C-alpha atoms as a PDB file:
ATOM      1  CA  MET A   1       0.000   0.000   0.000  1.00  0.00           C
ATOM      2  CA  ARG A   2       0.975   3.626  -0.233  1.00  0.00           C
ATOM      3  CA  PRO A   3       3.326   4.990   2.398  1.00  0.00           C
ATOM      4  CA  ASP A   4       2.054   7.290   5.130  1.00  0.00           C
ATOM      5  CA  PHE A   5       4.218  10.146   3.917  1.00  0.00           C
ATOM      6  CA  LYS A   6       3.661  12.492   1.011  1.00  0.00           C
ATOM      7  CA  THR A   7       6.323  12.330  -1.680  1.00  0.00           C
ATOM      8  CA  GLU A   8       6.466  12.383  -5.441  1.00  0.00           C
ATOM      9  CA  GLU A   9       7.932   8.911  -5.885  1.00  0.00           C
ATOM     10  CA  PRO A  10       7.814   6.894  -2.625  1.00  0.00           C
ATOM     11  CA  TYR A  11       8.688   3.560  -4.270  1.00  0.00           C
ATOM     12  CA  ARG A  12      12.101   4.481  -5.613  1.00  0.00           C
ATOM     13  CA  VAL A  13      14.876   2.239  -4.296  1.00  0.00           C
ATOM     14  CA  SER A  14      18.454   2.910  -5.294  1.00  0.00           C
ATOM     15  CA  ARG A  15      20.471   0.297  -7.152  1.00  0.00           C
ATOM     16  CA  ASP A  16      22.786  -0.113  -4.159  1.00  0.00           C
ATOM     17  CA  LYS A  17      19.910  -0.622  -1.734  1.00  0.00           C
ATOM     18  CA  MET A  18      18.311  -3.139  -4.071  1.00  0.00           C
ATOM     19  CA  ASN A  19      21.600  -5.074  -4.181  1.00  0.00           C
ATOM     20  CA  VAL A  20      21.858  -5.014  -0.371  1.00  0.00           C
ATOM     21  CA  LEU A  21      18.308  -6.312  -0.069  1.00  0.00           C
ATOM     22  CA  ALA A  22      18.823  -9.012  -2.708  1.00  0.00           C
ATOM     23  CA  ARG A  23      22.052 -10.107  -1.015  1.00  0.00           C
ATOM     24  CA  ALA A  24      20.288 -10.280   2.380  1.00  0.00           C
ATOM     25  CA  VAL A  25      17.501 -12.430   0.911  1.00  0.00           C
ATOM     26  CA  ALA A  26      20.019 -14.771  -0.754  1.00  0.00           C
ATOM     27  CA  GLU A  27      21.976 -15.065   2.500  1.00  0.00           C
ATOM     28  CA  ALA A  28      18.798 -15.787   4.466  1.00  0.00           C
ATOM     29  CA  LEU A  29      17.810 -18.480   1.977  1.00  0.00           C
ATOM     30  CA  ALA A  30      21.268 -20.048   2.241  1.00  0.00           C
ATOM     31  CA  THR A  31      20.863 -20.485   6.014  1.00  0.00           C
ATOM     32  CA  MET A  32      17.429 -22.143   5.816  1.00  0.00           C
ATOM     33  CA  ASP A  33      17.129 -25.849   6.476  1.00  0.00           C
ATOM     34  CA  GLY A  34      16.026 -27.740   3.411  1.00  0.00           C
ATOM     35  CA  VAL A  35      17.224 -25.065   0.974  1.00  0.00           C
ATOM     36  CA  GLU A  36      20.044 -26.051  -1.321  1.00  0.00           C
ATOM     37  CA  PHE A  37      21.328 -23.854  -4.125  1.00  0.00           C
ATOM     38  CA  VAL A  38      21.926 -25.440  -7.506  1.00  0.00           C
ATOM     39  CA  GLU A  39      23.448 -22.147  -8.693  1.00  0.00           C
ATOM     40  CA  ASP A  40      26.103 -20.026  -7.030  1.00  0.00           C
ATOM     41  CA  LYS A  41      25.042 -17.350  -4.534  1.00  0.00           C
ATOM     42  CA  ASN A  42      25.604 -14.535  -7.007  1.00  0.00           C
ATOM     43  CA  ALA A  43      23.217 -16.086  -9.532  1.00  0.00           C
ATOM     44  CA  ILE A  44      20.636 -16.405  -6.751  1.00  0.00           C
ATOM     45  CA  ARG A  45      21.203 -12.769  -5.738  1.00  0.00           C
ATOM     46  CA  VAL A  46      20.736 -11.622  -9.337  1.00  0.00           C
ATOM     47  CA  GLU A  47      17.470 -13.566  -9.629  1.00  0.00           C
ATOM     48  CA  VAL A  48      16.217 -12.217  -6.284  1.00  0.00           C
ATOM     49  CA  ARG A  49      17.007  -8.709  -7.481  1.00  0.00           C
ATOM     50  CA  ARG A  50      15.122  -9.308 -10.739  1.00  0.00           C
ATOM     51  CA  ILE A  51      12.080 -10.568  -8.835  1.00  0.00           C
ATOM     52  CA  LEU A  52      12.179  -7.611  -6.420  1.00  0.00           C
ATOM     53  CA  GLU A  53      12.415  -5.136  -9.306  1.00  0.00           C
ATOM     54  CA  GLU A  54       9.505  -6.853 -11.043  1.00  0.00           C
ATOM     55  CA  LEU A  55       7.396  -6.695  -7.873  1.00  0.00           C
ATOM     56  CA  MET A  56       8.186  -3.019  -7.374  1.00  0.00           C
ATOM     57  CA  ALA A  57       7.275  -2.237 -10.988  1.00  0.00           C
ATOM     58  CA  GLN A  58       4.011  -4.134 -10.569  1.00  0.00           C
ATOM     59  CA  GLU A  59       3.266  -2.225  -7.356  1.00  0.00           C
ATOM     60  CA  LYS A  60       3.963   1.058  -9.106  1.00  0.00           C
ATOM     61  CA  ARG A  61       1.493   0.142 -11.874  1.00  0.00           C
ATOM     62  CA  ILE A  62      -1.164  -0.794  -9.303  1.00  0.00           C
ATOM     63  CA  ASP A  63      -0.592   2.483  -7.443  1.00  0.00           C
ATOM     64  CA  GLY A  64      -0.809   4.443 -10.691  1.00  0.00           C
ATOM     65  CA  GLU A  65      -4.042   2.756 -11.708  1.00  0.00           C
ATOM     66  CA  ALA A  66      -5.634   3.420  -8.300  1.00  0.00           C
ATOM     67  CA  ARG A  67      -4.611   7.075  -8.547  1.00  0.00           C
ATOM     68  CA  ARG A  68      -5.929   7.320 -12.118  1.00  0.00           C
ATOM     69  CA  LYS A  69      -9.314   5.995 -11.000  1.00  0.00           C
ATOM     70  CA  ILE A  70      -9.490   8.583  -8.218  1.00  0.00           C
ATOM     71  CA  GLU A  71      -8.537  11.371 -10.613  1.00  0.00           C
ATOM     72  CA  SER A  72     -11.236  10.260 -13.051  1.00  0.00           C
ATOM     73  CA  GLN A  73     -13.998  11.055 -10.542  1.00  0.00           C
ATOM     74  CA  LYS A  74     -16.416  13.811 -11.599  1.00  0.00           C
ATOM     75  CA  ARG A  75     -15.356  16.008  -8.717  1.00  0.00           C
ATOM     76  CA  THR A  76     -11.938  16.716  -7.292  1.00  0.00           C
ATOM     77  CA  ILE A  77     -10.928  14.570  -4.339  1.00  0.00           C
ATOM     78  CA  VAL A  78      -8.109  16.015  -2.271  1.00  0.00           C
ATOM     79  CA  GLU A  79      -5.130  13.684  -2.143  1.00  0.00           C
ATOM     80  CA  PHE A  80      -4.573  12.018   1.246  1.00  0.00           C
ATOM     81  CA  SER A  81      -7.968  13.169   2.554  1.00  0.00           C
ATOM     82  CA  GLN A  82     -10.065  10.536   4.305  1.00  0.00           C
ATOM     83  CA  GLU A  83     -12.202  10.071   1.190  1.00  0.00           C
ATOM     84  CA  TRP A  84      -9.091   9.772  -0.989  1.00  0.00           C
ATOM     85  CA  ASP A  85      -7.608   7.149   1.353  1.00  0.00           C
ATOM     86  CA  ILE A  86     -10.800   5.081   1.277  1.00  0.00           C
ATOM     87  CA  LEU A  87     -11.020   5.202  -2.521  1.00  0.00           C
ATOM     88  CA  TYR A  88      -7.309   4.505  -2.874  1.00  0.00           C
ATOM     89  CA  ARG A  89      -7.561   1.370  -0.729  1.00  0.00           C
ATOM     90  CA  LYS A  90     -10.649   0.229  -2.653  1.00  0.00           C
ATOM     91  CA  TYR A  91      -9.128   0.747  -6.105  1.00  0.00           C
ATOM     92  CA  TYR A  92      -5.720  -0.571  -5.037  1.00  0.00           C
ATOM     93  CA  ASN A  93      -7.309  -3.792  -3.738  1.00  0.00           C
ATOM     94  CA  GLU A  94      -9.349  -4.149  -6.945  1.00  0.00           C
ATOM     95  CA  GLU A  95      -6.151  -3.964  -9.006  1.00  0.00           C
ATOM     96  CA  VAL A  96      -4.419  -6.503  -6.764  1.00  0.00           C
ATOM     97  CA  LYS A  97      -7.357  -8.897  -7.141  1.00  0.00           C
ATOM     98  CA  LYS A  98      -7.176  -8.563 -10.940  1.00  0.00           C
ATOM     99  CA  LEU A  99      -3.642  -9.970 -10.712  1.00  0.00           C
ATOM    100  CA  GLY A 100      -4.831 -12.888  -8.603  1.00  0.00           C
ATOM    101  CA  ILE A 101      -2.877 -11.726  -5.563  1.00  0.00           C
ATOM    102  CA  LYS A 102      -4.338 -11.948  -2.045  1.00  0.00           C
END
């Protein structure tokens, strides 16, 4: 869901931070019982990063679609007002359901 702060692009994650996160996920997987890598850790890290980037892009599209639906209302709804938040959650959840998530 949208963050509780007001910024232009709240979902932007730097390349370095994405690498740190992907490395942490790969390391966590490596320590789990029953998990065995058939590729080296770097290949796993690269795939984790790809998946994270894909998820963030998908989230950005869902956010954009929810915002577009709010903006298409006949009257202006002030961003981050109570009404806006309710509509955002409704439209966001509709978009998530379209993807078969949740």
